[in-house]
Amino acid sequence: MKIIKVGLGNTDEAYIESEFSDGINIIYSDENNKGKTIVIQSMLYTIGNKPIFPSSFNYKEYYYYLEFEENNKVYIVVRRGDSYIVSCAGDIRFFEDTAEFKNFWNNNVFSLPQISVNGNKRIADMELYAQMFFVGQDGKDTSTIFNSGFYHKDNFKDMVCFYAGETESTLSADEITRLKNQIKELEAKRKEQLEISEFYKTSTPAKEYLSRIQDKVAFQNRICEMEEITGKISDLRKMRNKLATKRSLWNGTLKELRSLNRNIEVGELRCMDCDSTHIAYKGKGKITYSFDVSTPEMRSQIIASIEERISAYTEEIEKYDFEISSMQQRIEEIMQDEDITIENIVAYKNGFSSIAEIEEKVQKLDEAIDDIKQKVKAGKKQTEDSKKAQQDFYEAIVEEMNQVKGKIDIESKQLYDDLFTKRGSVVSGSEETVYYIARLISIAKLTKHSCPIIMDSFRAEDLSTEKEERVLALLSELKRQCILTTTLKAEEKDKYVKMAGINAIDYTGHHSNKILGAEELPAFMKLLRGLGISLQ
């Protein structure tokens, strides 16, 4: 992934940065508050990261534009609020929330890691994924992740280990537990058959046998399992109904847009309020986009995007249908498992003609038990193999971090033993900067992700000139785009301009706390018009 251009603006002011090269880019200025952080944060925010702009900057007032290349395709993303527009090879798609945009990214740009959160598999959000290649200048804490809240450092570790390349067990933890319960049920039935065999040999059943059959604990467990499954079905139905409602609304919008495509041989379409021939499509919500759909080309683009969205909703609904059906089938299986009563025993006795028939059933139960045990064993072994591969991969990253640290901070003998420091022993000063650089480089080398290395204020906490030179040499070895920012001292002016292999981007001439202006507004509006977007 290579950043080509980033911009932000509204109807009054704008700023565009397009001087990025494929190698190491350093945005610098002689003072703080010259707009470096706003440009960096705009990149990340446009692709779905949580906003971490300076408190003095009202980011909600602006549109954000990012142009980048991935796998020989050029993508353009525009974001305002939680609405996104994506263009690639003339094809335009729009999304009303970050979750929809994330799914598009995962299916079209590149696959995002899958992680386990609260026992459920989910695609990592950009706010977590971005931390593999981006470090901001604020909120640093080497003992945890940035923006710790929904995600925690264990989720970050899980995400990194996703790149170990080992497939996980085909059996989830819940599935293994269910199979174990099936084994217990079959073993209980086997025991019952053997006891019935003994029952045939006696004139009356033992009282102890009858008491064992009335297993209240097992009965209560089945009731709890049924209630849990019923709760899950209820949740799935709510999500399915929500998607069905959305699909219905988009079908209505689609009909309205298609009605504009009808040929009008006499007269033309005009706005009844202003008599204009321009007709706009506006998304829902307070913060959204307006598209000029007066032309057939733009209408076709919007219609294609809506059709794709309706198709995605239909696919998700079908998935929920399958999950609900599977759970309903499980409830039926539980309900068929009745307690054995005296009547059951009599029925059993009348149903068998010989002890041999009972023994044949016991043999079949043994075979079923062995089959399920093999499934559990295979599932367990695969899980253990996967865990070992992931642990080895994780340790390799930590070892690489130590290798990188040793090349930057030659004098230090302290070693890392994890991707995060222990709580209460947070690294600070230039050691903190070295830690984050070592982590970014090591993760990039071992995961082989395609994103650029982005670090805001990469010389923070007085990283020495010698260490800085070593850092730049290591980054150069990665052979990927790097975007860094820093504030130079007066005596360091033009140092990057003279440095080989560095694309120096000078922000010294910018006004303090005022990177946006009217000068670049026409160019910014032209970028948006290319996507059919009308500023509101």
Protein backbone atom coordinates (compact mmCIF):
# COMPACT_ATOMS: atom_id res chain seq x y z
CA MET A 1 0.00 0.00 0.00
CA LYS A 2 1.43 3.35 -1.05
CA ILE A 3 -0.02 6.71 -0.08
CA ILE A 4 -0.32 9.02 -3.10
CA LYS A 5 -2.35 11.96 -1.88
CA VAL A 6 -4.21 13.12 1.23
CA GLY A 7 -6.55 16.09 1.58
CA LEU A 8 -9.19 17.61 3.81
CA GLY A 9 -11.54 20.53 3.47
CA ASN A 10 -15.06 21.95 3.41
CA THR A 11 -16.79 24.75 1.52
CA ASP A 12 -14.50 27.40 3.07
CA GLU A 13 -10.98 25.97 3.25
CA ALA A 14 -8.88 22.97 2.29
CA TYR A 15 -5.41 21.45 2.23
CA ILE A 16 -3.88 18.80 -0.06
CA GLU A 17 -0.59 16.95 0.37
CA SER A 18 0.65 15.06 -2.69
CA GLU A 19 4.44 15.13 -2.50
CA PHE A 20 4.91 11.60 -1.15
CA SER A 21 7.53 9.32 -2.65
CA ASP A 22 7.80 5.52 -2.57
CA GLY A 23 10.61 5.60 -0.02
CA ILE A 24 11.20 7.54 3.20
CA ASN A 25 9.22 10.77 3.52
CA ILE A 26 9.88 13.17 6.39
CA ILE A 27 7.44 16.02 7.00
CA TYR A 28 9.24 18.61 9.11
CA SER A 29 8.92 22.14 10.44
CA ASP A 30 10.81 24.45 12.77
CA GLU A 31 7.93 24.65 15.26
CA ASN A 32 4.99 22.60 16.45
CA ASN A 33 1.38 23.26 15.35
CA LYS A 34 2.23 23.52 11.65
CA GLY A 35 -0.25 20.82 10.56
CA LYS A 36 1.95 17.71 10.48
CA THR A 37 -0.24 15.74 12.89
CA ILE A 38 -3.45 16.80 11.14
CA VAL A 39 -2.15 15.44 7.82
CA ILE A 40 -1.04 12.15 9.41
CA GLN A 41 -4.29 11.70 11.33
CA SER A 42 -6.30 12.51 8.20
CA MET A 43 -4.72 9.51 6.43
CA LEU A 44 -5.67 7.11 9.20
CA TYR A 45 -9.08 8.61 9.86
CA THR A 46 -10.06 8.33 6.19
CA ILE A 47 -9.56 4.56 6.23
CA GLY A 48 -11.58 4.00 9.39
CA ASN A 49 -9.29 4.74 12.33
CA LYS A 50 -10.67 6.45 15.41
CA PRO A 51 -10.13 10.22 15.35
CA ILE A 52 -7.09 11.31 17.38
CA PHE A 53 -6.77 14.86 16.08
CA PRO A 54 -5.43 17.72 18.23
CA SER A 55 -8.15 18.93 20.63
CA SER A 56 -8.09 22.40 19.03
CA PHE A 57 -9.05 20.95 15.62
CA ASN A 58 -12.77 20.39 14.96
CA TYR A 59 -12.40 17.39 12.66
CA LYS A 60 -16.17 16.89 12.23
CA GLU A 61 -16.42 19.97 10.00
CA TYR A 62 -14.40 18.48 7.14
CA TYR A 63 -14.37 15.99 4.28
CA TYR A 64 -11.29 13.74 4.12
CA TYR A 65 -9.71 12.46 0.92
CA LEU A 66 -7.10 9.71 0.54
CA GLU A 67 -5.63 8.30 -2.65
CA PHE A 68 -3.46 5.19 -2.39
CA GLU A 69 -2.19 2.27 -4.44
CA GLU A 70 -2.52 -1.37 -3.42
CA ASN A 71 -1.75 -4.39 -5.60
CA ASN A 72 -1.42 -2.21 -8.72
CA LYS A 73 -4.85 -0.65 -8.19
CA VAL A 74 -5.46 2.99 -7.26
CA TYR A 75 -8.16 3.57 -4.67
CA ILE A 76 -9.74 6.85 -3.63
CA VAL A 77 -11.53 7.05 -0.29
CA VAL A 78 -13.54 10.04 0.90
CA ARG A 79 -14.90 10.15 4.43
CA ARG A 80 -17.22 12.48 6.24
CA GLY A 81 -18.52 11.43 9.63
CA ASP A 82 -19.18 7.70 9.37
CA SER A 83 -20.01 7.82 5.64
CA TYR A 84 -17.48 6.64 3.05
CA ILE A 85 -17.11 6.92 -0.72
CA VAL A 86 -14.70 4.55 -2.48
CA SER A 87 -13.62 4.77 -6.11
CA CYS A 88 -11.45 2.32 -8.02
CA ALA A 89 -11.02 2.11 -11.79
CA GLY A 90 -14.06 4.32 -12.32
CA ASP A 91 -16.27 2.20 -10.09
CA ILE A 92 -17.84 4.13 -7.18
CA ARG A 93 -19.23 2.61 -3.98
CA PHE A 94 -20.59 4.35 -0.90
CA PHE A 95 -21.11 3.12 2.67
CA GLU A 96 -23.19 4.54 5.51
CA ASP A 97 -21.05 3.26 8.38
CA THR A 98 -17.54 2.10 9.25
CA ALA A 99 -18.55 -1.58 9.54
CA GLU A 100 -19.74 -1.66 5.93
CA PHE A 101 -16.56 0.07 4.80
CA LYS A 102 -14.43 -2.42 6.74
CA ASN A 103 -16.16 -5.36 5.03
CA PHE A 104 -15.58 -3.76 1.63
CA TRP A 105 -11.91 -3.26 2.48
CA ASN A 106 -11.56 -6.85 3.65
CA ASN A 107 -13.15 -8.23 0.46
CA ASN A 108 -11.60 -5.86 -2.09
CA VAL A 109 -8.45 -4.04 -0.92
CA PHE A 110 -6.74 -6.70 1.19
CA SER A 111 -7.81 -9.19 3.84
CA LEU A 112 -7.79 -7.97 7.43
CA PRO A 113 -6.81 -10.32 10.28
CA GLN A 114 -9.48 -12.29 12.09
CA ILE A 115 -9.30 -12.26 15.87
CA SER A 116 -11.28 -13.65 18.79
CA VAL A 117 -13.13 -11.07 20.90
CA ASN A 118 -15.18 -12.31 23.85
CA GLY A 119 -15.18 -15.80 22.36
CA ASN A 120 -16.45 -14.65 18.95
CA LYS A 121 -14.48 -14.41 15.71
CA ARG A 122 -14.48 -10.98 14.07
CA ILE A 123 -12.51 -9.04 11.48
CA ALA A 124 -10.15 -6.61 13.19
CA ASP A 125 -11.27 -2.99 12.98
CA MET A 126 -8.90 -0.42 11.52
CA GLU A 127 -8.43 1.20 14.95
CA LEU A 128 -6.61 -2.00 15.99
CA TYR A 129 -5.08 -3.02 12.66
CA ALA A 130 -3.50 0.42 12.09
CA GLN A 131 -1.39 -0.02 15.22
CA MET A 132 0.74 -2.56 13.37
CA PHE A 133 2.11 0.17 11.11
CA PHE A 134 1.26 3.49 12.78
CA VAL A 135 2.38 5.26 15.96
CA GLY A 136 0.91 8.65 16.86
CA GLN A 137 2.57 11.31 18.95
CA ASP A 138 -0.03 11.33 21.77
CA GLY A 139 -1.39 8.73 24.18
CA LYS A 140 1.70 6.53 24.20
CA ASP A 141 1.89 3.76 26.79
CA THR A 142 4.27 0.88 26.12
CA SER A 143 2.30 -1.41 28.46
CA THR A 144 -0.88 -1.39 26.34
CA ILE A 145 -2.38 -0.39 22.99
CA PHE A 146 -3.56 3.04 21.88
CA ASN A 147 -7.25 3.76 22.54
CA SER A 148 -7.63 0.81 24.88
CA GLY A 149 -11.36 0.24 25.33
CA PHE A 150 -13.22 -2.30 23.23
CA TYR A 151 -9.87 -3.80 22.23
CA HIS A 152 -7.02 -4.71 24.56
CA LYS A 153 -3.39 -5.72 24.11
CA ASP A 154 -4.33 -9.42 24.00
CA ASN A 155 -6.42 -8.65 20.91
CA PHE A 156 -3.35 -6.97 19.37
CA LYS A 157 -1.24 -10.06 20.11
CA ASP A 158 -3.96 -12.27 18.63
CA MET A 159 -4.01 -10.09 15.52
CA VAL A 160 -0.23 -10.26 15.05
CA CYS A 161 -0.25 -14.04 15.53
CA PHE A 162 -2.85 -14.33 12.77
CA TYR A 163 0.11 -13.94 10.39
CA ALA A 164 1.73 -17.12 11.70
CA GLY A 165 0.07 -18.75 8.70
CA GLU A 166 -1.33 -21.72 10.60
CA THR A 167 -4.97 -22.53 10.06
CA GLU A 168 -6.96 -22.77 13.24
CA SER A 169 -8.82 -25.87 14.31
CA THR A 170 -11.94 -26.64 12.33
CA LEU A 171 -13.56 -27.17 15.73
CA SER A 172 -14.26 -24.13 17.85
CA ALA A 173 -14.07 -24.28 21.64
CA ASP A 174 -17.88 -24.42 21.79
CA GLU A 175 -17.96 -27.26 19.25
CA ILE A 176 -15.38 -29.27 21.18
CA THR A 177 -17.40 -28.78 24.38
CA ARG A 178 -20.56 -29.94 22.60
CA LEU A 179 -18.81 -33.05 21.27
CA LYS A 180 -17.54 -33.87 24.76
CA ASN A 181 -21.08 -33.56 26.05
CA GLN A 182 -22.22 -35.92 23.29
CA ILE A 183 -19.60 -38.41 24.44
CA LYS A 184 -20.94 -38.20 27.99
CA GLU A 185 -24.50 -38.71 26.74
CA LEU A 186 -23.51 -41.72 24.64
CA GLU A 187 -21.52 -43.22 27.50
CA ALA A 188 -24.53 -42.76 29.76
CA LYS A 189 -26.71 -44.54 27.18
CA ARG A 190 -24.12 -47.31 26.94
CA LYS A 191 -24.23 -47.70 30.67
CA GLU A 192 -28.02 -47.84 30.58
CA GLN A 193 -27.95 -50.60 27.97
CA LEU A 194 -25.58 -52.62 30.09
CA GLU A 195 -27.79 -52.10 33.12
CA ILE A 196 -30.86 -53.11 31.10
CA SER A 197 -28.96 -56.24 30.14
CA GLU A 198 -28.56 -56.96 33.85
CA PHE A 199 -32.19 -55.99 34.33
CA TYR A 200 -33.24 -58.88 32.09
CA LYS A 201 -31.41 -61.27 34.39
CA THR A 202 -33.33 -60.20 37.49
CA SER A 203 -36.98 -60.48 38.36
CA THR A 204 -37.30 -56.91 39.61
CA PRO A 205 -35.27 -53.75 38.95
CA ALA A 206 -33.05 -52.50 41.74
CA LYS A 207 -34.22 -49.32 43.45
CA GLU A 208 -30.75 -47.89 43.08
CA TYR A 209 -31.00 -48.28 39.28
CA LEU A 210 -34.29 -46.42 39.14
CA SER A 211 -32.86 -43.57 41.22
CA ARG A 212 -29.86 -43.24 38.93
CA ILE A 213 -32.11 -42.74 35.92
CA GLN A 214 -33.72 -39.66 37.44
CA ASP A 215 -30.72 -37.45 36.87
CA LYS A 216 -31.88 -33.96 37.86
CA VAL A 217 -28.50 -32.38 37.17
CA ALA A 218 -28.50 -33.63 33.60
CA PHE A 219 -32.06 -32.43 33.16
CA GLN A 220 -31.22 -28.95 34.45
CA ASN A 221 -28.17 -28.78 32.21
CA ARG A 222 -30.33 -29.52 29.19
CA ILE A 223 -32.78 -26.80 30.22
CA CYS A 224 -29.91 -24.28 30.60
CA GLU A 225 -28.51 -25.25 27.21
CA MET A 226 -31.94 -24.79 25.61
CA GLU A 227 -32.32 -21.35 27.22
CA GLU A 228 -28.85 -20.32 26.02
CA ILE A 229 -29.58 -21.43 22.47
CA THR A 230 -32.99 -19.71 22.55
CA GLY A 231 -31.27 -16.48 23.60
CA LYS A 232 -28.81 -16.76 20.74
CA ILE A 233 -31.64 -17.39 18.28
CA SER A 234 -33.40 -14.27 19.56
CA ASP A 235 -30.26 -12.17 19.03
CA LEU A 236 -29.74 -13.59 15.55
CA ARG A 237 -33.35 -12.86 14.62
CA LYS A 238 -32.96 -9.24 15.75
CA MET A 239 -29.86 -8.81 13.59
CA ARG A 240 -31.58 -10.54 10.66
CA ASN A 241 -34.63 -8.30 10.98
CA LYS A 242 -32.39 -5.22 11.12
CA LEU A 243 -30.69 -6.27 7.89
CA ALA A 244 -34.03 -7.05 6.26
CA THR A 245 -35.28 -3.56 7.16
CA LYS A 246 -32.16 -1.97 5.67
CA ARG A 247 -32.52 -4.07 2.52
CA SER A 248 -36.14 -3.00 2.15
CA LEU A 249 -35.24 0.69 2.50
CA TRP A 250 -32.45 0.41 -0.07
CA ASN A 251 -34.81 -1.39 -2.45
CA GLY A 252 -37.11 1.63 -2.17
CA THR A 253 -34.24 4.00 -2.92
CA LEU A 254 -33.22 1.83 -5.86
CA LYS A 255 -36.71 2.03 -7.36
CA GLU A 256 -36.68 5.82 -7.09
CA LEU A 257 -33.29 6.11 -8.80
CA ARG A 258 -34.29 3.68 -11.53
CA SER A 259 -37.38 5.75 -12.22
CA LEU A 260 -35.06 8.59 -13.23
CA ASN A 261 -33.60 6.40 -15.97
CA ARG A 262 -36.87 6.27 -17.90
CA ASN A 263 -36.58 8.01 -21.24
CA ILE A 264 -38.48 11.28 -21.37
CA GLU A 265 -39.08 12.08 -25.01
CA VAL A 266 -41.01 15.28 -24.32
CA GLY A 267 -39.69 17.79 -21.79
CA GLU A 268 -37.07 17.18 -19.12
CA LEU A 269 -36.64 16.57 -15.39
CA ARG A 270 -36.51 19.75 -13.34
CA CYS A 271 -36.56 20.66 -9.66
CA MET A 272 -40.01 22.03 -8.72
CA ASP A 273 -38.43 24.41 -6.18
CA CYS A 274 -35.68 26.08 -8.21
CA ASP A 275 -36.35 24.88 -11.78
CA SER A 276 -32.85 23.40 -11.98
CA THR A 277 -32.11 20.36 -14.12
CA HIS A 278 -29.66 19.13 -11.46
CA ILE A 279 -31.01 16.33 -9.28
CA ALA A 280 -29.09 15.14 -6.23
CA TYR A 281 -29.05 11.92 -4.27
CA LYS A 282 -28.35 12.56 -0.56
CA GLY A 283 -27.45 9.90 1.95
CA LYS A 284 -29.14 9.61 5.32
CA GLY A 285 -27.86 11.13 8.56
CA LYS A 286 -26.70 14.56 9.66
CA ILE A 287 -23.24 14.13 8.17
CA THR A 288 -23.41 12.62 4.69
CA TYR A 289 -22.83 13.24 0.97
CA SER A 290 -24.83 14.57 -1.93
CA PHE A 291 -24.34 13.20 -5.45
CA ASP A 292 -25.40 14.90 -8.63
CA VAL A 293 -27.48 12.16 -10.33
CA SER A 294 -28.60 14.27 -13.26
CA THR A 295 -26.34 12.31 -15.61
CA PRO A 296 -27.01 8.65 -16.54
CA GLU A 297 -23.37 7.79 -15.79
CA MET A 298 -23.54 8.91 -12.16
CA ARG A 299 -26.97 7.31 -11.68
CA SER A 300 -25.55 4.04 -12.96
CA GLN A 301 -22.68 4.23 -10.49
CA ILE A 302 -25.01 4.91 -7.54
CA ILE A 303 -27.44 2.18 -8.66
CA ALA A 304 -24.59 -0.34 -8.99
CA SER A 305 -23.39 0.53 -5.48
CA ILE A 306 -26.88 0.12 -4.02
CA GLU A 307 -27.38 -3.20 -5.84
CA GLU A 308 -24.09 -4.46 -4.39
CA ARG A 309 -25.19 -3.39 -0.92
CA ILE A 310 -28.58 -5.12 -1.28
CA SER A 311 -26.76 -8.26 -2.44
CA ALA A 312 -24.49 -8.09 0.61
CA TYR A 313 -27.50 -7.72 2.91
CA THR A 314 -29.15 -10.74 1.25
CA GLU A 315 -25.98 -12.80 1.76
CA GLU A 316 -25.81 -11.82 5.43
CA ILE A 317 -29.51 -12.66 5.92
CA GLU A 318 -28.92 -16.10 4.41
CA LYS A 319 -26.05 -16.66 6.84
CA TYR A 320 -28.30 -15.76 9.77
CA ASP A 321 -31.00 -18.08 8.37
CA PHE A 322 -28.51 -20.95 8.36
CA GLU A 323 -27.29 -20.22 11.91
CA ILE A 324 -30.85 -19.97 13.23
CA SER A 325 -31.82 -23.21 11.49
CA SER A 326 -28.77 -25.00 12.96
CA MET A 327 -29.62 -23.84 16.47
CA GLN A 328 -33.28 -24.81 16.08
CA GLN A 329 -32.13 -28.27 15.02
CA ARG A 330 -29.97 -28.46 18.14
CA ILE A 331 -32.98 -27.61 20.32
CA GLU A 332 -34.93 -30.44 18.67
CA GLU A 333 -32.07 -32.81 19.46
CA ILE A 334 -32.11 -31.77 23.12
CA MET A 335 -35.90 -32.10 23.36
CA GLN A 336 -35.74 -35.64 21.96
CA ASP A 337 -33.42 -36.66 24.81
CA GLU A 338 -36.02 -37.63 27.44
CA ASP A 339 -35.49 -38.84 30.98
CA ILE A 340 -35.77 -42.61 31.33
CA THR A 341 -38.68 -43.63 33.55
CA ILE A 342 -40.05 -46.99 34.71
CA GLU A 343 -42.25 -46.91 31.63
CA ASN A 344 -39.11 -46.49 29.51
CA ILE A 345 -37.62 -49.58 31.08
CA VAL A 346 -40.76 -51.64 30.43
CA ALA A 347 -40.78 -50.37 26.85
CA TYR A 348 -37.12 -51.28 26.53
CA LYS A 349 -37.86 -54.79 27.83
CA ASN A 350 -40.72 -55.31 25.44
CA GLY A 351 -38.66 -53.93 22.57
CA PHE A 352 -35.80 -56.37 22.78
CA SER A 353 -36.05 -60.02 21.90
CA SER A 354 -32.67 -61.02 23.27
CA ILE A 355 -29.59 -59.95 25.18
CA ALA A 356 -27.67 -60.13 21.89
CA GLU A 357 -29.74 -57.29 20.51
CA ILE A 358 -28.81 -55.11 23.49
CA GLU A 359 -25.13 -55.98 23.08
CA GLU A 360 -25.34 -55.06 19.40
CA LYS A 361 -26.65 -51.63 20.37
CA VAL A 362 -23.84 -51.26 22.92
CA GLN A 363 -21.32 -52.02 20.17
CA LYS A 364 -22.84 -49.32 17.95
CA LEU A 365 -22.65 -46.86 20.83
CA ASP A 366 -18.98 -47.76 21.33
CA GLU A 367 -18.30 -47.03 17.67
CA ALA A 368 -20.10 -43.68 17.88
CA ILE A 369 -18.17 -42.76 21.03
CA ASP A 370 -14.82 -43.65 19.40
CA ASP A 371 -15.72 -41.62 16.30
CA ILE A 372 -16.50 -38.48 18.31
CA LYS A 373 -13.39 -38.95 20.48
CA GLN A 374 -11.27 -39.02 17.33
CA LYS A 375 -12.89 -35.77 16.16
CA VAL A 376 -12.18 -34.10 19.50
CA LYS A 377 -8.61 -35.43 19.52
CA ALA A 378 -7.97 -34.18 15.98
CA GLY A 379 -9.52 -30.83 16.78
CA LYS A 380 -7.46 -30.51 19.95
CA LYS A 381 -4.22 -31.46 18.23
CA GLN A 382 -4.83 -28.94 15.47
CA THR A 383 -5.53 -26.25 18.06
CA GLU A 384 -2.38 -27.10 19.99
CA ASP A 385 -0.29 -27.11 16.80
CA SER A 386 -1.76 -23.75 15.84
CA LYS A 387 -1.08 -22.31 19.29
CA LYS A 388 2.51 -23.51 19.20
CA ALA A 389 3.07 -22.04 15.73
CA GLN A 390 1.58 -18.74 16.88
CA GLN A 391 3.68 -18.70 20.04
CA ASP A 392 6.85 -19.39 18.02
CA PHE A 393 5.89 -16.61 15.63
CA TYR A 394 5.23 -14.21 18.48
CA GLU A 395 8.58 -15.00 20.11
CA ALA A 396 10.30 -14.48 16.74
CA ILE A 397 8.85 -10.95 16.55
CA VAL A 398 10.06 -10.17 20.08
CA GLU A 399 13.49 -11.54 19.17
CA GLU A 400 13.51 -9.37 16.03
CA MET A 401 12.63 -6.36 18.19
CA ASN A 402 15.72 -7.04 20.27
CA GLN A 403 17.83 -7.34 17.12
CA VAL A 404 16.53 -3.99 15.83
CA LYS A 405 16.92 -2.33 19.23
CA GLY A 406 20.52 -3.54 19.40
CA LYS A 407 21.28 -1.91 16.07
CA ILE A 408 19.74 1.42 17.14
CA ASP A 409 20.76 1.64 20.80
CA ILE A 410 24.17 -0.03 20.78
CA GLU A 411 25.00 0.83 24.39
CA SER A 412 21.84 -0.62 25.96
CA LYS A 413 21.92 -4.23 27.12
CA GLN A 414 18.29 -4.43 28.24
CA LEU A 415 16.15 -6.86 26.26
CA TYR A 416 12.45 -6.96 25.46
CA ASP A 417 10.54 -10.06 26.55
CA ASP A 418 7.16 -9.11 25.04
CA LEU A 419 5.51 -6.76 22.54
CA PHE A 420 4.37 -4.75 25.57
CA THR A 421 6.13 -3.79 28.75
CA LYS A 422 4.74 -4.85 32.09
CA ARG A 423 2.25 -2.49 33.66
CA GLY A 424 4.05 -0.16 36.03
CA SER A 425 7.35 -0.35 34.14
CA VAL A 426 6.51 1.90 31.18
CA VAL A 427 9.44 2.88 28.98
CA SER A 428 9.93 6.63 28.53
CA GLY A 429 12.28 9.13 26.88
CA SER A 430 14.26 8.13 23.82
CA GLU A 431 13.94 4.48 24.92
CA GLU A 432 10.21 4.75 24.26
CA THR A 433 10.88 6.00 20.72
CA VAL A 434 13.31 3.14 20.08
CA TYR A 435 10.76 0.66 21.44
CA TYR A 436 8.01 1.79 19.04
CA ILE A 437 10.37 1.92 16.05
CA ALA A 438 11.67 -1.58 16.83
CA ARG A 439 8.10 -2.88 17.10
CA LEU A 440 6.98 -1.27 13.82
CA ILE A 441 9.99 -2.60 11.90
CA SER A 442 9.81 -6.11 13.40
CA ILE A 443 6.09 -6.54 12.77
CA ALA A 444 6.51 -5.28 9.19
CA LYS A 445 9.35 -7.72 8.49
CA LEU A 446 7.70 -10.83 9.92
CA THR A 447 4.04 -10.29 9.05
CA LYS A 448 4.94 -8.90 5.62
CA HIS A 449 1.91 -6.62 5.70
CA SER A 450 1.79 -4.18 2.79
CA CYS A 451 1.11 -0.93 4.66
CA PRO A 452 3.54 1.98 4.91
CA ILE A 453 5.33 2.70 8.18
CA ILE A 454 3.78 5.88 9.60
CA MET A 455 5.13 7.56 12.72
CA ASP A 456 4.19 11.01 13.94
CA SER A 457 7.05 12.77 15.75
CA PHE A 458 9.54 9.95 15.18
CA ARG A 459 12.39 11.80 16.94
CA ALA A 460 10.34 12.48 20.07
CA GLU A 461 12.10 12.62 23.42
CA ASP A 462 15.43 13.77 21.93
CA LEU A 463 16.45 10.80 19.85
CA SER A 464 20.12 11.42 19.20
CA THR A 465 21.50 12.13 15.73
CA GLU A 466 23.44 8.85 15.72
CA LYS A 467 20.37 6.81 16.62
CA GLU A 468 18.26 8.69 14.08
CA GLU A 469 20.71 7.82 11.31
CA ARG A 470 20.57 4.15 12.32
CA VAL A 471 16.76 4.25 12.35
CA LEU A 472 16.62 5.74 8.85
CA ALA A 473 19.06 3.11 7.59
CA LEU A 474 16.90 0.30 9.01
CA LEU A 475 13.74 1.81 7.52
CA SER A 476 15.47 2.08 4.17
CA GLU A 477 16.19 -1.66 4.29
CA LEU A 478 12.45 -2.40 4.45
CA LYS A 479 12.04 -1.22 0.84
CA ARG A 480 8.61 0.21 1.56
CA GLN A 481 7.05 3.64 1.91
CA CYS A 482 7.64 5.37 5.24
CA ILE A 483 5.97 8.62 6.32
CA LEU A 484 7.52 10.31 9.35
CA THR A 485 7.16 13.71 10.99
CA THR A 486 9.44 15.72 13.23
CA THR A 487 10.19 19.21 14.50
CA LEU A 488 13.71 20.45 13.78
CA LYS A 489 15.90 22.71 15.82
CA ALA A 490 17.11 25.96 14.23
CA GLU A 491 20.60 24.58 13.63
CA GLU A 492 19.16 21.51 11.84
CA LYS A 493 17.45 23.46 9.07
CA ASP A 494 17.59 21.72 5.69
CA LYS A 495 19.28 18.62 7.14
CA TYR A 496 16.86 16.27 5.35
CA VAL A 497 17.09 18.16 2.08
CA LYS A 498 20.78 17.26 1.95
CA MET A 499 20.25 13.63 3.05
CA ALA A 500 20.33 10.97 0.31
CA GLY A 501 17.28 8.74 -0.01
CA ILE A 502 15.02 11.10 1.95
CA ASN A 503 12.05 12.96 0.49
CA ALA A 504 11.92 16.10 2.66
CA ILE A 505 8.53 17.84 2.88
CA ASP A 506 8.90 21.28 4.48
CA TYR A 507 6.00 22.68 6.56
CA THR A 508 8.05 25.50 8.04
CA GLY A 509 6.23 28.12 5.97
CA HIS A 510 2.79 27.15 7.25
CA HIS A 511 0.97 29.45 9.66
CA SER A 512 0.73 28.13 13.20
CA ASN A 513 -2.56 26.33 13.89
CA LYS A 514 -3.74 27.12 10.35
CA ILE A 515 -2.82 24.52 7.75
CA LEU A 516 -6.07 24.87 5.80
CA GLY A 517 -6.81 27.87 3.59
CA ALA A 518 -8.77 29.10 0.60
CA GLU A 519 -5.83 28.70 -1.82
CA GLU A 520 -6.28 24.93 -2.29
CA LEU A 521 -10.07 24.93 -2.06
CA PRO A 522 -10.67 24.86 -5.87
CA ALA A 523 -8.32 21.88 -6.27
CA PHE A 524 -9.97 20.04 -3.37
CA MET A 525 -13.48 20.64 -4.71
CA LYS A 526 -12.32 19.37 -8.10
CA LEU A 527 -11.14 16.13 -6.47
CA LEU A 528 -14.57 15.61 -4.91
CA ARG A 529 -16.44 16.54 -8.07
CA GLY A 530 -14.50 13.79 -9.82
CA LEU A 531 -16.44 11.41 -7.58
CA GLY A 532 -19.73 13.21 -8.15
CA ILE A 533 -19.72 14.67 -4.62
CA SER A 534 -21.35 18.03 -3.98
CA LEU A 535 -20.13 19.75 -0.81
CA GLN A 536 -22.80 20.60 1.73
